């Protein structure tokens, strides 16, 4: 009986991890769509934007902390780019 409980806990844990990963990629897909649908950009710029967002989600790793953490990889990348731009402007 104890082994059955452990097995159910293990399956439940895997199920939760897969849900988190699925939600991570869904969020990434929404971000891609939202970032290009209404913006007036060249096709080349849109492709580059899609590539950058996709790479940030593929290289990032979803964790249980992401559920309560509202900062996503793309937000961090935007902040880094903003800081880099400000540093270049100050030079």
C-alpha atoms as a PDB file:
ATOM      1  CA  UNK A   1       0.000   0.000   0.000  1.00  0.00           C
ATOM      2  CA  UNK A   2       2.829   2.407   0.858  1.00  0.00           C
ATOM      3  CA  UNK A   3       4.402   1.852  -2.580  1.00  0.00           C
ATOM      4  CA  UNK A   4       1.083   2.731  -4.247  1.00  0.00           C
ATOM      5  CA  UNK A   5       0.954   6.063  -2.384  1.00  0.00           C
ATOM      6  CA  UNK A   6       4.545   6.836  -3.394  1.00  0.00           C
ATOM      7  CA  UNK A   7       3.746   5.995  -7.027  1.00  0.00           C
ATOM      8  CA  UNK A   8       0.715   8.313  -7.000  1.00  0.00           C
ATOM      9  CA  UNK A   9       2.795  11.108  -5.465  1.00  0.00           C
ATOM     10  CA  UNK A  10       5.469  10.603  -8.124  1.00  0.00           C
ATOM     11  CA  UNK A  11       2.938  10.645 -10.975  1.00  0.00           C
ATOM     12  CA  UNK A  12       1.280  13.716  -9.500  1.00  0.00           C
ATOM     13  CA  UNK A  13       4.645  15.458  -9.261  1.00  0.00           C
ATOM     14  CA  UNK A  14       5.483  14.699 -12.898  1.00  0.00           C
ATOM     15  CA  UNK A  15       2.012  15.854 -13.928  1.00  0.00           C
ATOM     16  CA  UNK A  16       2.524  19.182 -12.127  1.00  0.00           C
ATOM     17  CA  UNK A  17       5.954  19.692 -13.727  1.00  0.00           C
ATOM     18  CA  UNK A  18       4.473  19.091 -17.172  1.00  0.00           C
ATOM     19  CA  UNK A  19       1.662  21.559 -16.486  1.00  0.00           C
ATOM     20  CA  UNK A  20       4.199  24.204 -15.469  1.00  0.00           C
ATOM     21  CA  UNK A  21       6.247  23.604 -18.599  1.00  0.00           C
ATOM     22  CA  UNK A  22       3.146  23.731 -20.803  1.00  0.00           C
ATOM     23  CA  UNK A  23       2.044  27.004 -19.203  1.00  0.00           C
ATOM     24  CA  UNK A  24       5.559  28.419 -19.701  1.00  0.00           C
ATOM     25  CA  UNK A  25       5.445  27.752 -23.441  1.00  0.00           C
ATOM     26  CA  UNK A  26       1.853  28.980 -23.758  1.00  0.00           C
ATOM     27  CA  UNK A  27       2.891  32.242 -22.166  1.00  0.00           C
ATOM     28  CA  UNK A  28       5.764  32.483 -24.636  1.00  0.00           C
ATOM     29  CA  UNK A  29       3.436  31.897 -27.574  1.00  0.00           C
ATOM     30  CA  UNK A  30       1.048  34.585 -26.294  1.00  0.00           C
ATOM     31  CA  UNK A  31       3.942  36.987 -25.934  1.00  0.00           C
ATOM     32  CA  UNK A  32       5.026  36.318 -29.520  1.00  0.00           C
ATOM     33  CA  UNK A  33       1.536  36.932 -30.866  1.00  0.00           C
ATOM     34  CA  UNK A  34       0.995  40.037 -28.730  1.00  0.00           C
ATOM     35  CA  UNK A  35       4.337  41.507 -29.727  1.00  0.00           C
ATOM     36  CA  UNK A  36       3.790  41.381 -33.490  1.00  0.00           C
ATOM     37  CA  UNK A  37       0.065  41.473 -34.210  1.00  0.00           C
ATOM     38  CA  UNK A  38      -0.607  45.174 -33.783  1.00  0.00           C
ATOM     39  CA  UNK A  39       2.833  46.634 -34.321  1.00  0.00           C
ATOM     40  CA  UNK A  40       3.654  48.355 -37.585  1.00  0.00           C
ATOM     41  CA  UNK A  41       6.960  46.703 -38.397  1.00  0.00           C
ATOM     42  CA  UNK A  42       8.686  45.234 -41.391  1.00  0.00           C
ATOM     43  CA  UNK A  43       8.403  41.490 -41.826  1.00  0.00           C
ATOM     44  CA  UNK A  44      12.116  41.196 -41.113  1.00  0.00           C
ATOM     45  CA  UNK A  45      11.728  42.996 -37.779  1.00  0.00           C
ATOM     46  CA  UNK A  46       8.798  40.758 -36.846  1.00  0.00           C
ATOM     47  CA  UNK A  47      10.790  37.608 -37.645  1.00  0.00           C
ATOM     48  CA  UNK A  48      13.682  38.829 -35.510  1.00  0.00           C
ATOM     49  CA  UNK A  49      11.328  39.657 -32.644  1.00  0.00           C
ATOM     50  CA  UNK A  50       9.706  36.198 -32.837  1.00  0.00           C
ATOM     51  CA  UNK A  51      13.135  34.570 -32.876  1.00  0.00           C
ATOM     52  CA  UNK A  52      14.325  36.525 -29.825  1.00  0.00           C
ATOM     53  CA  UNK A  53      11.216  35.799 -27.786  1.00  0.00           C
ATOM     54  CA  UNK A  54      11.235  32.101 -28.731  1.00  0.00           C
ATOM     55  CA  UNK A  55      14.912  31.786 -27.813  1.00  0.00           C
ATOM     56  CA  UNK A  56      14.326  33.425 -24.432  1.00  0.00           C
ATOM     57  CA  UNK A  57      11.606  30.873 -23.621  1.00  0.00           C
ATOM     58  CA  UNK A  58      13.528  27.902 -24.957  1.00  0.00           C
ATOM     59  CA  UNK A  59      16.682  28.851 -23.048  1.00  0.00           C
ATOM     60  CA  UNK A  60      14.833  29.686 -19.836  1.00  0.00           C
ATOM     61  CA  UNK A  61      13.653  26.917 -17.582  1.00  0.00           C
ATOM     62  CA  UNK A  62      10.178  26.962 -16.066  1.00  0.00           C
ATOM     63  CA  UNK A  63      10.066  26.197 -12.369  1.00  0.00           C
ATOM     64  CA  UNK A  64       7.422  26.105  -9.682  1.00  0.00           C
ATOM     65  CA  UNK A  65       8.650  29.575  -8.665  1.00  0.00           C
ATOM     66  CA  UNK A  66       7.401  30.913 -12.013  1.00  0.00           C
ATOM     67  CA  UNK A  67       3.817  30.390 -10.875  1.00  0.00           C
ATOM     68  CA  UNK A  68       4.058  33.170  -8.313  1.00  0.00           C
ATOM     69  CA  UNK A  69       6.807  35.157  -9.992  1.00  0.00           C
ATOM     70  CA  UNK A  70       5.460  37.767 -12.389  1.00  0.00           C
ATOM     71  CA  UNK A  71       8.872  38.506 -13.908  1.00  0.00           C
ATOM     72  CA  UNK A  72       9.470  36.531 -17.076  1.00  0.00           C
ATOM     73  CA  UNK A  73      12.641  36.063 -19.091  1.00  0.00           C
ATOM     74  CA  UNK A  74      11.497  38.544 -21.721  1.00  0.00           C
ATOM     75  CA  UNK A  75      10.954  41.209 -19.041  1.00  0.00           C
ATOM     76  CA  UNK A  76      14.482  40.645 -17.747  1.00  0.00           C
ATOM     77  CA  UNK A  77      15.869  40.878 -21.292  1.00  0.00           C
ATOM     78  CA  UNK A  78      14.014  44.172 -21.820  1.00  0.00           C
ATOM     79  CA  UNK A  79      15.502  45.588 -18.607  1.00  0.00           C
ATOM     80  CA  UNK A  80      19.014  44.498 -19.579  1.00  0.00           C
ATOM     81  CA  UNK A  81      18.620  46.081 -23.025  1.00  0.00           C
ATOM     82  CA  UNK A  82      17.273  49.270 -21.458  1.00  0.00           C
ATOM     83  CA  UNK A  83      20.236  49.501 -19.061  1.00  0.00           C
ATOM     84  CA  UNK A  84      22.680  48.819 -21.892  1.00  0.00           C
ATOM     85  CA  UNK A  85      21.077  51.545 -24.027  1.00  0.00           C
ATOM     86  CA  UNK A  86      21.242  54.043 -21.142  1.00  0.00           C
ATOM     87  CA  UNK A  87      24.911  53.237 -20.571  1.00  0.00           C
ATOM     88  CA  UNK A  88      25.671  53.758 -24.274  1.00  0.00           C
ATOM     89  CA  UNK A  89      23.833  57.098 -24.267  1.00  0.00           C
ATOM     90  CA  UNK A  90      25.820  58.285 -21.245  1.00  0.00           C
ATOM     91  CA  UNK A  91      29.150  57.548 -22.950  1.00  0.00           C
END
